[in-house]
Amino acid sequence: SPANDRNALLLGFMPHMHLRGKSFRYELRKTPDQPGEVLIDIPA
């Protein structure tokens, strides 16, 4: 995502793919190119 431009609260997730979708993961990052905290992992 672009950098957040105001304080906020994160409420939830809804990942979306089609028939080839295999896995999906969200992270909270402090910089765009460095790994951050895993918020949710959907392995299947």
ModelCIF file with pLDDT and N, C-alpha, C, O atoms, coordinates in Angstrom:
data_MODEL
#
_entry.id   MODEL 
#
_entity.id                         1 
_entity.type                       polymer 
_entity.pdbx_number_of_molecules   1 
#
_entity_poly.entity_id                      1 
_entity_poly.type                           'polypeptide(L)' 
_entity_poly.nstd_linkage                   no 
_entity_poly.nstd_monomer                   no 
_entity_poly.pdbx_seq_one_letter_code       SPANDRNALLLGFMPHMHLRGKSFRYELRKTPDQPGEVLIDIPA 
_entity_poly.pdbx_seq_one_letter_code_can   SPANDRNALLLGFMPHMHLRGKSFRYELRKTPDQPGEVLIDIPA 
_entity_poly.pdbx_strand_id                 A 
#
loop_
_entity_poly_seq.entity_id 
_entity_poly_seq.num 
_entity_poly_seq.mon_id 
_entity_poly_seq.hetero 
1 1  SER n 
1 2  PRO n 
1 3  ALA n 
1 4  ASN n 
1 5  ASP n 
1 6  ARG n 
1 7  ASN n 
1 8  ALA n 
1 9  LEU n 
1 10 LEU n 
1 11 LEU n 
1 12 GLY n 
1 13 PHE n 
1 14 MET n 
1 15 PRO n 
1 16 HIS n 
1 17 MET n 
1 18 HIS n 
1 19 LEU n 
1 20 ARG n 
1 21 GLY n 
1 22 LYS n 
1 23 SER n 
1 24 PHE n 
1 25 ARG n 
1 26 TYR n 
1 27 GLU n 
1 28 LEU n 
1 29 ARG n 
1 30 LYS n 
1 31 THR n 
1 32 PRO n 
1 33 ASP n 
1 34 GLN n 
1 35 PRO n 
1 36 GLY n 
1 37 GLU n 
1 38 VAL n 
1 39 LEU n 
1 40 ILE n 
1 41 ASP n 
1 42 ILE n 
1 43 PRO n 
1 44 ALA n 
#
_struct_asym.id          A 
_struct_asym.entity_id   1 
#
loop_
_ma_qa_metric.id 
_ma_qa_metric.mode 
_ma_qa_metric.name 
_ma_qa_metric.software_group_id 
_ma_qa_metric.type 
1 global pLDDT . pLDDT 
2 local  pLDDT . pLDDT 
#
_ma_qa_metric_global.metric_id      1 
_ma_qa_metric_global.metric_value   92.95 
_ma_qa_metric_global.model_id       1 
_ma_qa_metric_global.ordinal_id     1 
#
loop_
_ma_qa_metric_local.label_asym_id 
_ma_qa_metric_local.label_comp_id 
_ma_qa_metric_local.label_seq_id 
_ma_qa_metric_local.metric_id 
_ma_qa_metric_local.metric_value 
_ma_qa_metric_local.model_id 
_ma_qa_metric_local.ordinal_id 
A SER 1  2 90.00 1 1  
A PRO 2  2 84.00 1 2  
A ALA 3  2 83.00 1 3  
A ASN 4  2 86.00 1 4  
A ASP 5  2 80.00 1 5  
A ARG 6  2 84.00 1 6  
A ASN 7  2 89.00 1 7  
A ALA 8  2 94.00 1 8  
A LEU 9  2 97.00 1 9  
A LEU 10 2 97.00 1 10 
A LEU 11 2 96.00 1 11 
A GLY 12 2 95.00 1 12 
A PHE 13 2 95.00 1 13 
A MET 14 2 91.00 1 14 
A PRO 15 2 94.00 1 15 
A HIS 16 2 92.00 1 16 
A MET 17 2 93.00 1 17 
A HIS 18 2 91.00 1 18 
A LEU 19 2 90.00 1 19 
A ARG 20 2 95.00 1 20 
A GLY 21 2 96.00 1 21 
A LYS 22 2 97.00 1 22 
A SER 23 2 98.00 1 23 
A PHE 24 2 98.00 1 24 
A ARG 25 2 98.00 1 25 
A TYR 26 2 98.00 1 26 
A GLU 27 2 98.00 1 27 
A LEU 28 2 97.00 1 28 
A ARG 29 2 95.00 1 29 
A LYS 30 2 92.00 1 30 
A THR 31 2 89.00 1 31 
A PRO 32 2 85.00 1 32 
A ASP 33 2 84.00 1 33 
A GLN 34 2 89.00 1 34 
A PRO 35 2 92.00 1 35 
A GLY 36 2 94.00 1 36 
A GLU 37 2 96.00 1 37 
A VAL 38 2 98.00 1 38 
A LEU 39 2 98.00 1 39 
A ILE 40 2 98.00 1 40 
A ASP 41 2 98.00 1 41 
A ILE 42 2 97.00 1 42 
A PRO 43 2 96.00 1 43 
A ALA 44 2 93.00 1 44 
#
loop_
_atom_site.group_PDB 
_atom_site.id 
_atom_site.type_symbol 
_atom_site.label_atom_id 
_atom_site.label_alt_id 
_atom_site.label_comp_id 
_atom_site.label_asym_id 
_atom_site.label_entity_id 
_atom_site.label_seq_id 
_atom_site.pdbx_PDB_ins_code 
_atom_site.Cartn_x 
_atom_site.Cartn_y 
_atom_site.Cartn_z 
_atom_site.occupancy 
_atom_site.B_iso_or_equiv 
_atom_site.pdbx_formal_charge 
_atom_site.auth_seq_id 
_atom_site.auth_comp_id 
_atom_site.auth_asym_id 
_atom_site.auth_atom_id 
_atom_site.pdbx_PDB_model_num 
ATOM 1   N N  . SER A 1 1  ? 0.837   -1.200  0.000  1.00 90.00 ? 1  SER A N  1 
ATOM 2   C CA . SER A 1 1  ? 0.000   0.000   0.000  1.00 90.00 ? 1  SER A CA 1 
ATOM 3   C C  . SER A 1 1  ? 0.871   1.249   0.000  1.00 90.00 ? 1  SER A C  1 
ATOM 4   O O  . SER A 1 1  ? 2.049   1.176   0.351  1.00 90.00 ? 1  SER A O  1 
ATOM 5   N N  . PRO A 1 2  ? 0.317   2.389   -0.385 1.00 84.00 ? 2  PRO A N  1 
ATOM 6   C CA . PRO A 1 2  ? 1.014   3.652   -0.129 1.00 84.00 ? 2  PRO A CA 1 
ATOM 7   C C  . PRO A 1 2  ? 1.168   3.836   1.378  1.00 84.00 ? 2  PRO A C  1 
ATOM 8   O O  . PRO A 1 2  ? 0.505   3.160   2.164  1.00 84.00 ? 2  PRO A O  1 
ATOM 9   N N  . ALA A 1 3  ? 2.029   4.737   1.766  1.00 83.00 ? 3  ALA A N  1 
ATOM 10  C CA . ALA A 1 3  ? 2.212   5.002   3.189  1.00 83.00 ? 3  ALA A CA 1 
ATOM 11  C C  . ALA A 1 3  ? 0.931   5.588   3.787  1.00 83.00 ? 3  ALA A C  1 
ATOM 12  O O  . ALA A 1 3  ? 0.289   6.449   3.187  1.00 83.00 ? 3  ALA A O  1 
ATOM 13  N N  . ASN A 1 4  ? 0.579   5.113   4.961  1.00 86.00 ? 4  ASN A N  1 
ATOM 14  C CA . ASN A 1 4  ? -0.590  5.657   5.649  1.00 86.00 ? 4  ASN A CA 1 
ATOM 15  C C  . ASN A 1 4  ? -0.365  7.136   5.948  1.00 86.00 ? 4  ASN A C  1 
ATOM 16  O O  . ASN A 1 4  ? 0.712   7.534   6.393  1.00 86.00 ? 4  ASN A O  1 
ATOM 17  N N  . ASP A 1 5  ? -1.397  7.948   5.697  1.00 80.00 ? 5  ASP A N  1 
ATOM 18  C CA . ASP A 1 5  ? -1.215  9.388   5.876  1.00 80.00 ? 5  ASP A CA 1 
ATOM 19  C C  . ASP A 1 5  ? -1.946  9.947   7.087  1.00 80.00 ? 5  ASP A C  1 
ATOM 20  O O  . ASP A 1 5  ? -2.015  11.164  7.255  1.00 80.00 ? 5  ASP A O  1 
ATOM 21  N N  . ARG A 1 6  ? -2.496  9.076   7.938  1.00 84.00 ? 6  ARG A N  1 
ATOM 22  C CA . ARG A 1 6  ? -3.141  9.540   9.169  1.00 84.00 ? 6  ARG A CA 1 
ATOM 23  C C  . ARG A 1 6  ? -3.292  8.363   10.128 1.00 84.00 ? 6  ARG A C  1 
ATOM 24  O O  . ARG A 1 6  ? -3.322  7.209   9.701  1.00 84.00 ? 6  ARG A O  1 
ATOM 25  N N  . ASN A 1 7  ? -3.387  8.655   11.421 1.00 89.00 ? 7  ASN A N  1 
ATOM 26  C CA . ASN A 1 7  ? -3.566  7.599   12.407 1.00 89.00 ? 7  ASN A CA 1 
ATOM 27  C C  . ASN A 1 7  ? -4.921  6.925   12.199 1.00 89.00 ? 7  ASN A C  1 
ATOM 28  O O  . ASN A 1 7  ? -5.912  7.583   11.885 1.00 89.00 ? 7  ASN A O  1 
ATOM 29  N N  . ALA A 1 8  ? -4.949  5.610   12.378 1.00 94.00 ? 8  ALA A N  1 
ATOM 30  C CA . ALA A 1 8  ? -6.176  4.858   12.127 1.00 94.00 ? 8  ALA A CA 1 
ATOM 31  C C  . ALA A 1 8  ? -6.137  3.550   12.890 1.00 94.00 ? 8  ALA A C  1 
ATOM 32  O O  . ALA A 1 8  ? -5.143  3.229   13.540 1.00 94.00 ? 8  ALA A O  1 
ATOM 33  N N  . LEU A 1 9  ? -7.221  2.799   12.808 1.00 97.00 ? 9  LEU A N  1 
ATOM 34  C CA . LEU A 1 9  ? -7.313  1.471   13.408 1.00 97.00 ? 9  LEU A CA 1 
ATOM 35  C C  . LEU A 1 9  ? -7.583  0.456   12.306 1.00 97.00 ? 9  LEU A C  1 
ATOM 36  O O  . LEU A 1 9  ? -8.460  0.659   11.466 1.00 97.00 ? 9  LEU A O  1 
ATOM 37  N N  . LEU A 1 10 ? -6.836  -0.623  12.315 1.00 97.00 ? 10 LEU A N  1 
ATOM 38  C CA . LEU A 1 10 ? -7.034  -1.702  11.359 1.00 97.00 ? 10 LEU A CA 1 
ATOM 39  C C  . LEU A 1 10 ? -8.083  -2.663  11.921 1.00 97.00 ? 10 LEU A C  1 
ATOM 40  O O  . LEU A 1 10 ? -7.934  -3.174  13.031 1.00 97.00 ? 10 LEU A O  1 
ATOM 41  N N  . LEU A 1 11 ? -9.161  -2.908  11.135 1.00 96.00 ? 11 LEU A N  1 
ATOM 42  C CA . LEU A 1 11 ? -10.305 -3.684  11.635 1.00 96.00 ? 11 LEU A CA 1 
ATOM 43  C C  . LEU A 1 11 ? -10.377 -5.105  11.099 1.00 96.00 ? 11 LEU A C  1 
ATOM 44  O O  . LEU A 1 11 ? -10.848 -5.998  11.805 1.00 96.00 ? 11 LEU A O  1 
ATOM 45  N N  . GLY A 1 12 ? -9.923  -5.344  9.866  1.00 95.00 ? 12 GLY A N  1 
ATOM 46  C CA . GLY A 1 12 ? -10.073 -6.689  9.321  1.00 95.00 ? 12 GLY A CA 1 
ATOM 47  C C  . GLY A 1 12 ? -9.597  -6.791  7.891  1.00 95.00 ? 12 GLY A C  1 
ATOM 48  O O  . GLY A 1 12 ? -9.176  -5.806  7.284  1.00 95.00 ? 12 GLY A O  1 
ATOM 49  N N  . PHE A 1 13 ? -9.672  -8.018  7.356  1.00 95.00 ? 13 PHE A N  1 
ATOM 50  C CA . PHE A 1 13 ? -9.121  -8.318  6.043  1.00 95.00 ? 13 PHE A CA 1 
ATOM 51  C C  . PHE A 1 13 ? -10.116 -9.132  5.213  1.00 95.00 ? 13 PHE A C  1 
ATOM 52  O O  . PHE A 1 13 ? -10.947 -9.865  5.749  1.00 95.00 ? 13 PHE A O  1 
ATOM 53  N N  . MET A 1 14 ? -10.009 -8.982  3.890  1.00 91.00 ? 14 MET A N  1 
ATOM 54  C CA . MET A 1 14 ? -10.735 -9.862  2.965  1.00 91.00 ? 14 MET A CA 1 
ATOM 55  C C  . MET A 1 14 ? -9.875  -10.061 1.731  1.00 91.00 ? 14 MET A C  1 
ATOM 56  O O  . MET A 1 14 ? -9.945  -9.261  0.798  1.00 91.00 ? 14 MET A O  1 
ATOM 57  N N  . PRO A 1 15 ? -9.061  -11.115 1.706  1.00 94.00 ? 15 PRO A N  1 
ATOM 58  C CA . PRO A 1 15 ? -8.225  -11.379 0.536  1.00 94.00 ? 15 PRO A CA 1 
ATOM 59  C C  . PRO A 1 15 ? -9.069  -11.879 -0.621 1.00 94.00 ? 15 PRO A C  1 
ATOM 60  O O  . PRO A 1 15 ? -10.080 -12.554 -0.425 1.00 94.00 ? 15 PRO A O  1 
ATOM 61  N N  . HIS A 1 16 ? -8.640  -11.538 -1.832 1.00 92.00 ? 16 HIS A N  1 
ATOM 62  C CA . HIS A 1 16 ? -9.421  -11.941 -2.999 1.00 92.00 ? 16 HIS A CA 1 
ATOM 63  C C  . HIS A 1 16 ? -8.514  -12.405 -4.127 1.00 92.00 ? 16 HIS A C  1 
ATOM 64  O O  . HIS A 1 16 ? -7.635  -11.675 -4.586 1.00 92.00 ? 16 HIS A O  1 
ATOM 65  N N  . MET A 1 17 ? -8.753  -13.646 -4.563 1.00 93.00 ? 17 MET A N  1 
ATOM 66  C CA . MET A 1 17 ? -8.121  -14.208 -5.758 1.00 93.00 ? 17 MET A CA 1 
ATOM 67  C C  . MET A 1 17 ? -9.182  -15.037 -6.470 1.00 93.00 ? 17 MET A C  1 
ATOM 68  O O  . MET A 1 17 ? -10.320 -15.128 -6.010 1.00 93.00 ? 17 MET A O  1 
ATOM 69  N N  . HIS A 1 18 ? -8.803  -15.641 -7.593 1.00 91.00 ? 18 HIS A N  1 
ATOM 70  C CA . HIS A 1 18 ? -9.734  -16.485 -8.332 1.00 91.00 ? 18 HIS A CA 1 
ATOM 71  C C  . HIS A 1 18 ? -9.319  -17.949 -8.204 1.00 91.00 ? 18 HIS A C  1 
ATOM 72  O O  . HIS A 1 18 ? -8.826  -18.368 -7.157 1.00 91.00 ? 18 HIS A O  1 
ATOM 73  N N  . LEU A 1 19 ? -9.517  -18.722 -9.264 1.00 90.00 ? 19 LEU A N  1 
ATOM 74  C CA . LEU A 1 19 ? -9.390  -20.177 -9.175 1.00 90.00 ? 19 LEU A CA 1 
ATOM 75  C C  . LEU A 1 19 ? -7.963  -20.670 -8.987 1.00 90.00 ? 19 LEU A C  1 
ATOM 76  O O  . LEU A 1 19 ? -7.756  -21.784 -8.505 1.00 90.00 ? 19 LEU A O  1 
ATOM 77  N N  . ARG A 1 20 ? -6.967  -19.854 -9.360 1.00 95.00 ? 20 ARG A N  1 
ATOM 78  C CA . ARG A 1 20 ? -5.575  -20.296 -9.170 1.00 95.00 ? 20 ARG A CA 1 
ATOM 79  C C  . ARG A 1 20 ? -5.010  -19.866 -7.826 1.00 95.00 ? 20 ARG A C  1 
ATOM 80  O O  . ARG A 1 20 ? -3.866  -20.177 -7.496 1.00 95.00 ? 20 ARG A O  1 
ATOM 81  N N  . GLY A 1 21 ? -5.828  -19.142 -7.044 1.00 96.00 ? 21 GLY A N  1 
ATOM 82  C CA . GLY A 1 21 ? -5.352  -18.665 -5.747 1.00 96.00 ? 21 GLY A CA 1 
ATOM 83  C C  . GLY A 1 21 ? -4.914  -19.802 -4.845 1.00 96.00 ? 21 GLY A C  1 
ATOM 84  O O  . GLY A 1 21 ? -5.620  -20.802 -4.717 1.00 96.00 ? 21 GLY A O  1 
ATOM 85  N N  . LYS A 1 22 ? -3.754  -19.657 -4.218 1.00 97.00 ? 22 LYS A N  1 
ATOM 86  C CA . LYS A 1 22 ? -3.172  -20.720 -3.388 1.00 97.00 ? 22 LYS A CA 1 
ATOM 87  C C  . LYS A 1 22 ? -2.987  -20.288 -1.943 1.00 97.00 ? 22 LYS A C  1 
ATOM 88  O O  . LYS A 1 22 ? -3.362  -21.019 -1.026 1.00 97.00 ? 22 LYS A O  1 
ATOM 89  N N  . SER A 1 23 ? -2.414  -19.108 -1.729 1.00 98.00 ? 23 SER A N  1 
ATOM 90  C CA . SER A 1 23 ? -2.194  -18.628 -0.358 1.00 98.00 ? 23 SER A CA 1 
ATOM 91  C C  . SER A 1 23 ? -2.172  -17.107 -0.361 1.00 98.00 ? 23 SER A C  1 
ATOM 92  O O  . SER A 1 23 ? -1.996  -16.478 -1.405 1.00 98.00 ? 23 SER A O  1 
ATOM 93  N N  . PHE A 1 24 ? -2.356  -16.521 0.826  1.00 98.00 ? 24 PHE A N  1 
ATOM 94  C CA . PHE A 1 24 ? -2.406  -15.056 0.936  1.00 98.00 ? 24 PHE A CA 1 
ATOM 95  C C  . PHE A 1 24 ? -1.934  -14.663 2.328  1.00 98.00 ? 24 PHE A C  1 
ATOM 96  O O  . PHE A 1 24 ? -2.306  -15.286 3.323  1.00 98.00 ? 24 PHE A O  1 
ATOM 97  N N  . ARG A 1 25 ? -1.104  -13.614 2.386  1.00 98.00 ? 25 ARG A N  1 
ATOM 98  C CA . ARG A 1 25 ? -0.568  -13.158 3.671  1.00 98.00 ? 25 ARG A CA 1 
ATOM 99  C C  . ARG A 1 25 ? -0.540  -11.634 3.709  1.00 98.00 ? 25 ARG A C  1 
ATOM 100 O O  . ARG A 1 25 ? -0.193  -10.988 2.720  1.00 98.00 ? 25 ARG A O  1 
ATOM 101 N N  . TYR A 1 26 ? -0.909  -11.063 4.858  1.00 98.00 ? 26 TYR A N  1 
ATOM 102 C CA . TYR A 1 26 ? -0.822  -9.619  5.100  1.00 98.00 ? 26 TYR A CA 1 
ATOM 103 C C  . TYR A 1 26 ? 0.281   -9.353  6.129  1.00 98.00 ? 26 TYR A C  1 
ATOM 104 O O  . TYR A 1 26 ? 0.436   -10.087 7.105  1.00 98.00 ? 26 TYR A O  1 
ATOM 105 N N  . GLU A 1 27 ? 1.048   -8.274  5.881  1.00 98.00 ? 27 GLU A N  1 
ATOM 106 C CA . GLU A 1 27 ? 2.062   -7.830  6.837  1.00 98.00 ? 27 GLU A CA 1 
ATOM 107 C C  . GLU A 1 27 ? 1.867   -6.348  7.139  1.00 98.00 ? 27 GLU A C  1 
ATOM 108 O O  . GLU A 1 27 ? 1.385   -5.587  6.301  1.00 98.00 ? 27 GLU A O  1 
ATOM 109 N N  . LEU A 1 28 ? 2.244   -5.961  8.335  1.00 97.00 ? 28 LEU A N  1 
ATOM 110 C CA . LEU A 1 28 ? 2.328   -4.545  8.702  1.00 97.00 ? 28 LEU A CA 1 
ATOM 111 C C  . LEU A 1 28 ? 3.799   -4.158  8.660  1.00 97.00 ? 28 LEU A C  1 
ATOM 112 O O  . LEU A 1 28 ? 4.615   -4.710  9.398  1.00 97.00 ? 28 LEU A O  1 
ATOM 113 N N  . ARG A 1 29 ? 4.136   -3.197  7.784  1.00 95.00 ? 29 ARG A N  1 
ATOM 114 C CA . ARG A 1 29 ? 5.530   -2.820  7.601  1.00 95.00 ? 29 ARG A CA 1 
ATOM 115 C C  . ARG A 1 29 ? 5.761   -1.362  7.980  1.00 95.00 ? 29 ARG A C  1 
ATOM 116 O O  . ARG A 1 29 ? 4.875   -0.517  7.848  1.00 95.00 ? 29 ARG A O  1 
ATOM 117 N N  . LYS A 1 30 ? 6.967   -1.093  8.453  1.00 92.00 ? 30 LYS A N  1 
ATOM 118 C CA . LYS A 1 30 ? 7.372   0.277   8.759  1.00 92.00 ? 30 LYS A CA 1 
ATOM 119 C C  . LYS A 1 30 ? 8.102   0.911   7.579  1.00 92.00 ? 30 LYS A C  1 
ATOM 120 O O  . LYS A 1 30 ? 8.143   2.135   7.454  1.00 92.00 ? 30 LYS A O  1 
ATOM 121 N N  . THR A 1 31 ? 8.670   0.091   6.727  1.00 89.00 ? 31 THR A N  1 
ATOM 122 C CA . THR A 1 31 ? 9.259   0.545   5.471  1.00 89.00 ? 31 THR A CA 1 
ATOM 123 C C  . THR A 1 31 ? 8.731   -0.374  4.376  1.00 89.00 ? 31 THR A C  1 
ATOM 124 O O  . THR A 1 31 ? 8.424   -1.535  4.647  1.00 89.00 ? 31 THR A O  1 
ATOM 125 N N  . PRO A 1 32 ? 8.617   0.122   3.139  1.00 85.00 ? 32 PRO A N  1 
ATOM 126 C CA . PRO A 1 32 ? 7.956   -0.673  2.098  1.00 85.00 ? 32 PRO A CA 1 
ATOM 127 C C  . PRO A 1 32 ? 8.702   -1.925  1.680  1.00 85.00 ? 32 PRO A C  1 
ATOM 128 O O  . PRO A 1 32 ? 8.090   -2.871  1.183  1.00 85.00 ? 32 PRO A O  1 
ATOM 129 N N  . ASP A 1 33 ? 10.039  -1.949  1.877  1.00 84.00 ? 33 ASP A N  1 
ATOM 130 C CA . ASP A 1 33 ? 10.818  -3.068  1.349  1.00 84.00 ? 33 ASP A CA 1 
ATOM 131 C C  . ASP A 1 33 ? 11.422  -3.971  2.412  1.00 84.00 ? 33 ASP A C  1 
ATOM 132 O O  . ASP A 1 33 ? 12.227  -4.843  2.085  1.00 84.00 ? 33 ASP A O  1 
ATOM 133 N N  . GLN A 1 34 ? 11.054  -3.787  3.675  1.00 89.00 ? 34 GLN A N  1 
ATOM 134 C CA . GLN A 1 34 ? 11.570  -4.631  4.748  1.00 89.00 ? 34 GLN A CA 1 
ATOM 135 C C  . GLN A 1 34 ? 10.439  -5.444  5.365  1.00 89.00 ? 34 GLN A C  1 
ATOM 136 O O  . GLN A 1 34 ? 9.379   -4.890  5.659  1.00 89.00 ? 34 GLN A O  1 
ATOM 137 N N  . PRO A 1 35 ? 10.641  -6.762  5.570  1.00 92.00 ? 35 PRO A N  1 
ATOM 138 C CA . PRO A 1 35 ? 9.588   -7.598  6.163  1.00 92.00 ? 35 PRO A CA 1 
ATOM 139 C C  . PRO A 1 35 ? 9.108   -7.028  7.489  1.00 92.00 ? 35 PRO A C  1 
ATOM 140 O O  . PRO A 1 35 ? 9.873   -6.423  8.240  1.00 92.00 ? 35 PRO A O  1 
ATOM 141 N N  . GLY A 1 36 ? 7.823   -7.236  7.758  1.00 94.00 ? 36 GLY A N  1 
ATOM 142 C CA . GLY A 1 36 ? 7.248   -6.717  8.994  1.00 94.00 ? 36 GLY A CA 1 
ATOM 143 C C  . GLY A 1 36 ? 6.472   -7.785  9.735  1.00 94.00 ? 36 GLY A C  1 
ATOM 144 O O  . GLY A 1 36 ? 6.687   -8.978  9.523  1.00 94.00 ? 36 GLY A O  1 
ATOM 145 N N  . GLU A 1 37 ? 5.577   -7.360  10.597 1.00 96.00 ? 37 GLU A N  1 
ATOM 146 C CA . GLU A 1 37 ? 4.770   -8.270  11.411 1.00 96.00 ? 37 GLU A CA 1 
ATOM 147 C C  . GLU A 1 37 ? 3.695   -8.924  10.542 1.00 96.00 ? 37 GLU A C  1 
ATOM 148 O O  . GLU A 1 37 ? 2.980   -8.242  9.808  1.00 96.00 ? 37 GLU A O  1 
ATOM 149 N N  . VAL A 1 38 ? 3.588   -10.250 10.632 1.00 98.00 ? 38 VAL A N  1 
ATOM 150 C CA . VAL A 1 38 ? 2.537   -10.966 9.910  1.00 98.00 ? 38 VAL A CA 1 
ATOM 151 C C  . VAL A 1 38 ? 1.221   -10.775 10.662 1.00 98.00 ? 38 VAL A C  1 
ATOM 152 O O  . VAL A 1 38 ? 1.101   -11.142 11.831 1.00 98.00 ? 38 VAL A O  1 
ATOM 153 N N  . LEU A 1 39 ? 0.247   -10.203 9.982  1.00 98.00 ? 39 LEU A N  1 
ATOM 154 C CA . LEU A 1 39 ? -1.048  -9.930  10.602 1.00 98.00 ? 39 LEU A CA 1 
ATOM 155 C C  . LEU A 1 39 ? -2.013  -11.102 10.450 1.00 98.00 ? 39 LEU A C  1 
ATOM 156 O O  . LEU A 1 39 ? -2.756  -11.432 11.374 1.00 98.00 ? 39 LEU A O  1 
ATOM 157 N N  . ILE A 1 40 ? -1.993  -11.723 9.276  1.00 98.00 ? 40 ILE A N  1 
ATOM 158 C CA . ILE A 1 40 ? -2.832  -12.884 9.017  1.00 98.00 ? 40 ILE A CA 1 
ATOM 159 C C  . ILE A 1 40 ? -2.192  -13.690 7.902  1.00 98.00 ? 40 ILE A C  1 
ATOM 160 O O  . ILE A 1 40 ? -1.641  -13.132 6.953  1.00 98.00 ? 40 ILE A O  1 
ATOM 161 N N  . ASP A 1 41 ? -2.268  -15.005 8.026  1.00 98.00 ? 41 ASP A N  1 
ATOM 162 C CA . ASP A 1 41 ? -1.720  -15.895 7.010  1.00 98.00 ? 41 ASP A CA 1 
ATOM 163 C C  . ASP A 1 41 ? -2.790  -16.917 6.642  1.00 98.00 ? 41 ASP A C  1 
ATOM 164 O O  . ASP A 1 41 ? -3.322  -17.611 7.507  1.00 98.00 ? 41 ASP A O  1 
ATOM 165 N N  . ILE A 1 42 ? -3.099  -17.000 5.356  1.00 97.00 ? 42 ILE A N  1 
ATOM 166 C CA . ILE A 1 42 ? -4.072  -17.962 4.856  1.00 97.00 ? 42 ILE A CA 1 
ATOM 167 C C  . ILE A 1 42 ? -3.303  -18.926 3.964  1.00 97.00 ? 42 ILE A C  1 
ATOM 168 O O  . ILE A 1 42 ? -3.156  -18.671 2.768  1.00 97.00 ? 42 ILE A O  1 
ATOM 169 N N  . PRO A 1 43 ? -2.811  -20.029 4.520  1.00 96.00 ? 43 PRO A N  1 
ATOM 170 C CA . PRO A 1 43 ? -1.927  -20.925 3.764  1.00 96.00 ? 43 PRO A CA 1 
ATOM 171 C C  . PRO A 1 43 ? -2.621  -21.700 2.663  1.00 96.00 ? 43 PRO A C  1 
ATOM 172 O O  . PRO A 1 43 ? -1.968  -22.139 1.716  1.00 96.00 ? 43 PRO A O  1 
ATOM 173 N N  . ALA A 1 44 ? -3.946  -21.880 2.766  1.00 93.00 ? 44 ALA A N  1 
ATOM 174 C CA . ALA A 1 44 ? -4.691  -22.624 1.742  1.00 93.00 ? 44 ALA A CA 1 
ATOM 175 C C  . ALA A 1 44 ? -5.924  -21.812 1.370  1.00 93.00 ? 44 ALA A C  1 
ATOM 176 O O  . ALA A 1 44 ? -6.710  -22.236 0.522  1.00 93.00 ? 44 ALA A O  1 
#
